[in-house]
Amino acid sequence: MLSYMNGFFVNHNSLPVKNAGSCVFFHIWRAPGKYTLGCTAMSKNNIQDLLYWIDPIKKPLIIQYVISDYEILRKSMEFPDIDLP
């Protein structure tokens, strides 16, 4: 399956709990606009760029917000300013 060709596992609720969304992945999307059931999906190029950039030795922390919430929390949480298209 193409969507799982490249990606990575997010260590969230990692003790298996049947039917409880125990696995979260970043992976290639089936198509633009197609939803997932808890994962984050993106184009093959974007997932490959992310896999190249992320360094597991540094124990990365993934935080996801919708942009409006990010902007509200950015200063108080000391998040970087981002320039989105």
N, C-alpha and C. Protein backbone atom coordinates (compact mmCIF):
# COMPACT_ATOMS: atom_id res chain seq x y z
N MET A 1 0.84 -1.18 0.00
CA MET A 1 0.00 0.00 0.00
C MET A 1 0.88 1.24 0.00
N LEU A 2 0.69 2.11 -0.96
CA LEU A 2 1.53 3.29 -1.12
C LEU A 2 1.57 4.17 0.12
N SER A 3 0.45 4.35 0.80
CA SER A 3 0.41 5.29 1.91
C SER A 3 1.34 4.90 3.06
N TYR A 4 1.70 3.62 3.17
CA TYR A 4 2.60 3.19 4.25
C TYR A 4 4.00 2.89 3.74
N MET A 5 4.31 3.32 2.49
CA MET A 5 5.64 3.09 1.92
C MET A 5 6.70 3.84 2.73
N ASN A 6 6.41 5.07 3.11
CA ASN A 6 7.30 5.89 3.93
C ASN A 6 6.48 6.52 5.04
N GLY A 7 7.08 6.64 6.20
CA GLY A 7 6.39 7.29 7.30
C GLY A 7 7.08 6.97 8.61
N PHE A 8 6.44 7.37 9.71
CA PHE A 8 6.99 7.03 11.02
C PHE A 8 5.87 6.94 12.04
N PHE A 9 6.14 6.19 13.08
CA PHE A 9 5.22 5.93 14.18
C PHE A 9 5.37 7.04 15.22
N VAL A 10 4.25 7.51 15.75
CA VAL A 10 4.25 8.49 16.82
C VAL A 10 3.97 7.74 18.12
N ASN A 11 4.85 7.88 19.08
CA ASN A 11 4.73 7.16 20.34
C ASN A 11 3.65 7.80 21.20
N HIS A 12 2.41 7.46 20.88
CA HIS A 12 1.24 7.98 21.58
C HIS A 12 0.35 6.82 21.94
N ASN A 13 -0.01 6.68 23.21
CA ASN A 13 -0.88 5.59 23.63
C ASN A 13 -0.35 4.28 23.07
N SER A 14 0.96 4.03 23.26
CA SER A 14 1.62 2.94 22.56
C SER A 14 1.40 1.55 23.14
N LEU A 15 0.80 1.44 24.31
CA LEU A 15 0.43 0.10 24.79
C LEU A 15 -0.86 -0.26 24.06
N PRO A 16 -0.85 -1.34 23.29
CA PRO A 16 -2.01 -1.66 22.45
C PRO A 16 -3.32 -1.79 23.24
N VAL A 17 -4.29 -1.03 22.82
CA VAL A 17 -5.64 -1.09 23.37
C VAL A 17 -6.57 -1.30 22.18
N LYS A 18 -7.16 -2.46 22.08
CA LYS A 18 -7.99 -2.80 20.93
C LYS A 18 -9.10 -1.76 20.72
N ASN A 19 -9.23 -1.32 19.48
CA ASN A 19 -10.25 -0.35 19.06
C ASN A 19 -10.16 1.00 19.79
N ALA A 20 -8.97 1.36 20.27
CA ALA A 20 -8.83 2.61 21.01
C ALA A 20 -7.84 3.57 20.35
N GLY A 21 -7.57 3.40 19.08
CA GLY A 21 -6.67 4.32 18.39
C GLY A 21 -5.27 4.32 18.94
N SER A 22 -4.74 3.14 19.20
CA SER A 22 -3.43 3.04 19.85
C SER A 22 -2.25 3.38 18.94
N CYS A 23 -2.43 3.39 17.65
CA CYS A 23 -1.33 3.67 16.74
C CYS A 23 -1.59 4.96 15.98
N VAL A 24 -0.59 5.82 15.98
CA VAL A 24 -0.66 7.06 15.22
C VAL A 24 0.59 7.11 14.35
N PHE A 25 0.40 7.40 13.08
CA PHE A 25 1.50 7.45 12.13
C PHE A 25 1.47 8.76 11.35
N PHE A 26 2.61 9.16 10.85
CA PHE A 26 2.73 10.14 9.78
C PHE A 26 3.01 9.29 8.54
N HIS A 27 2.21 9.43 7.51
CA HIS A 27 2.41 8.61 6.31
C HIS A 27 1.92 9.33 5.06
N ILE A 28 2.16 8.73 3.92
CA ILE A 28 1.75 9.30 2.63
C ILE A 28 0.24 9.21 2.52
N TRP A 29 -0.37 10.29 2.04
CA TRP A 29 -1.82 10.31 1.91
C TRP A 29 -2.29 9.45 0.73
N ARG A 30 -3.53 9.01 0.81
CA ARG A 30 -4.14 8.28 -0.31
C ARG A 30 -4.39 9.22 -1.47
N ALA A 31 -4.76 10.45 -1.16
CA ALA A 31 -4.98 11.51 -2.15
C ALA A 31 -5.21 12.81 -1.38
N PRO A 32 -4.94 13.95 -2.00
CA PRO A 32 -5.19 15.22 -1.31
C PRO A 32 -6.65 15.31 -0.84
N GLY A 33 -6.83 15.72 0.41
CA GLY A 33 -8.18 15.88 0.95
C GLY A 33 -8.78 14.63 1.54
N LYS A 34 -8.13 13.48 1.39
CA LYS A 34 -8.65 12.24 1.98
C LYS A 34 -8.26 12.20 3.46
N TYR A 35 -9.23 11.91 4.31
CA TYR A 35 -8.98 11.92 5.75
C TYR A 35 -8.32 10.62 6.21
N THR A 36 -7.80 10.65 7.44
CA THR A 36 -7.28 9.46 8.11
C THR A 36 -8.07 9.31 9.40
N LEU A 37 -7.85 8.22 10.10
CA LEU A 37 -8.52 7.99 11.38
C LEU A 37 -7.57 8.24 12.54
N GLY A 38 -6.92 9.40 12.52
CA GLY A 38 -6.03 9.77 13.63
C GLY A 38 -4.59 9.99 13.22
N CYS A 39 -4.23 9.56 12.03
CA CYS A 39 -2.86 9.76 11.57
C CYS A 39 -2.74 11.14 10.92
N THR A 40 -1.53 11.49 10.56
CA THR A 40 -1.28 12.67 9.77
C THR A 40 -0.75 12.20 8.43
N ALA A 41 -1.40 12.61 7.36
CA ALA A 41 -1.00 12.16 6.03
C ALA A 41 -0.63 13.36 5.17
N MET A 42 0.30 13.15 4.27
CA MET A 42 0.79 14.22 3.40
C MET A 42 1.35 13.62 2.13
N SER A 43 1.78 14.48 1.22
CA SER A 43 2.35 14.01 -0.04
C SER A 43 3.62 13.21 0.21
N LYS A 44 3.97 12.38 -0.76
CA LYS A 44 5.19 11.58 -0.65
C LYS A 44 6.42 12.48 -0.50
N ASN A 45 6.48 13.58 -1.27
CA ASN A 45 7.63 14.49 -1.15
C ASN A 45 7.71 15.10 0.23
N ASN A 46 6.59 15.53 0.80
CA ASN A 46 6.60 16.13 2.13
C ASN A 46 7.00 15.13 3.20
N ILE A 47 6.51 13.90 3.13
CA ILE A 47 6.89 12.91 4.15
C ILE A 47 8.37 12.57 4.02
N GLN A 48 8.89 12.50 2.79
CA GLN A 48 10.32 12.22 2.63
C GLN A 48 11.17 13.38 3.16
N ASP A 49 10.73 14.62 2.93
CA ASP A 49 11.45 15.78 3.50
C ASP A 49 11.45 15.72 5.02
N LEU A 50 10.32 15.38 5.61
CA LEU A 50 10.21 15.29 7.06
C LEU A 50 11.11 14.18 7.61
N LEU A 51 11.10 13.02 6.95
CA LEU A 51 11.95 11.91 7.40
C LEU A 51 13.44 12.26 7.30
N TYR A 52 13.80 13.05 6.31
CA TYR A 52 15.19 13.49 6.18
C TYR A 52 15.57 14.46 7.29
N TRP A 53 14.62 15.34 7.64
CA TRP A 53 14.89 16.41 8.60
C TRP A 53 14.85 15.94 10.06
N ILE A 54 13.91 15.06 10.40
CA ILE A 54 13.70 14.69 11.81
C ILE A 54 14.86 13.81 12.31
N ASP A 55 15.29 14.04 13.53
CA ASP A 55 16.41 13.30 14.11
C ASP A 55 15.93 12.56 15.36
N PRO A 56 15.69 11.25 15.27
CA PRO A 56 15.18 10.49 16.42
C PRO A 56 16.08 10.56 17.66
N ILE A 57 17.37 10.74 17.47
CA ILE A 57 18.30 10.82 18.60
C ILE A 57 18.01 12.03 19.48
N LYS A 58 17.47 13.09 18.87
CA LYS A 58 17.13 14.30 19.62
C LYS A 58 15.77 14.20 20.31
N LYS A 59 15.13 13.06 20.21
CA LYS A 59 13.82 12.82 20.84
C LYS A 59 12.82 13.93 20.49
N PRO A 60 12.47 14.02 19.22
CA PRO A 60 11.57 15.09 18.79
C PRO A 60 10.20 15.00 19.44
N LEU A 61 9.60 16.14 19.60
CA LEU A 61 8.25 16.25 20.14
C LEU A 61 7.36 16.82 19.05
N ILE A 62 6.30 16.14 18.73
CA ILE A 62 5.39 16.58 17.68
C ILE A 62 4.18 17.21 18.33
N ILE A 63 3.93 18.46 17.96
CA ILE A 63 2.77 19.19 18.45
C ILE A 63 2.01 19.68 17.23
N GLN A 64 0.74 19.35 17.15
CA GLN A 64 -0.05 19.78 16.01
C GLN A 64 -1.21 20.65 16.48
N TYR A 65 -1.35 21.78 15.80
CA TYR A 65 -2.46 22.70 16.06
C TYR A 65 -3.03 23.14 14.72
N VAL A 66 -4.29 23.54 14.72
CA VAL A 66 -4.78 24.29 13.57
C VAL A 66 -4.13 25.66 13.66
N ILE A 67 -3.93 26.30 12.52
CA ILE A 67 -3.16 27.53 12.49
C ILE A 67 -3.72 28.62 13.41
N SER A 68 -5.05 28.70 13.53
CA SER A 68 -5.62 29.74 14.39
C SER A 68 -5.23 29.53 15.85
N ASP A 69 -5.22 28.29 16.32
CA ASP A 69 -4.80 28.00 17.69
C ASP A 69 -3.30 28.22 17.86
N TYR A 70 -2.54 27.86 16.85
CA TYR A 70 -1.09 28.07 16.90
C TYR A 70 -0.78 29.55 17.09
N GLU A 71 -1.45 30.38 16.32
CA GLU A 71 -1.21 31.82 16.42
C GLU A 71 -1.59 32.36 17.80
N ILE A 72 -2.65 31.86 18.39
CA ILE A 72 -3.07 32.29 19.72
C ILE A 72 -2.03 31.89 20.77
N LEU A 73 -1.47 30.69 20.65
CA LEU A 73 -0.54 30.16 21.65
C LEU A 73 0.93 30.47 21.37
N ARG A 74 1.23 30.93 20.17
CA ARG A 74 2.62 31.08 19.73
C ARG A 74 3.49 31.87 20.71
N LYS A 75 3.08 33.02 21.12
CA LYS A 75 3.92 33.84 22.00
C LYS A 75 4.04 33.25 23.40
N SER A 76 2.93 32.84 23.99
CA SER A 76 2.98 32.32 25.36
C SER A 76 3.74 30.99 25.45
N MET A 77 3.73 30.21 24.38
CA MET A 77 4.42 28.91 24.37
C MET A 77 5.81 29.02 23.73
N GLU A 78 6.17 30.23 23.28
CA GLU A 78 7.46 30.49 22.63
C GLU A 78 7.68 29.63 21.39
N PHE A 79 6.61 29.47 20.60
CA PHE A 79 6.71 28.78 19.32
C PHE A 79 7.32 29.75 18.30
N PRO A 80 7.99 29.22 17.29
CA PRO A 80 8.54 30.12 16.27
C PRO A 80 7.43 30.73 15.42
N ASP A 81 7.70 31.92 14.92
CA ASP A 81 6.80 32.55 13.95
C ASP A 81 6.94 31.77 12.65
N ILE A 82 5.84 31.47 11.99
CA ILE A 82 5.92 30.71 10.75
C ILE A 82 5.29 31.53 9.62
N ASP A 83 5.79 31.32 8.45
CA ASP A 83 5.31 32.02 7.26
C ASP A 83 4.64 30.98 6.37
N LEU A 84 3.32 30.99 6.38
CA LEU A 84 2.57 30.03 5.57
C LEU A 84 2.10 30.69 4.29
N PRO A 85 2.01 29.89 3.23
CA PRO A 85 1.52 30.44 1.95
C PRO A 85 0.08 30.89 2.04
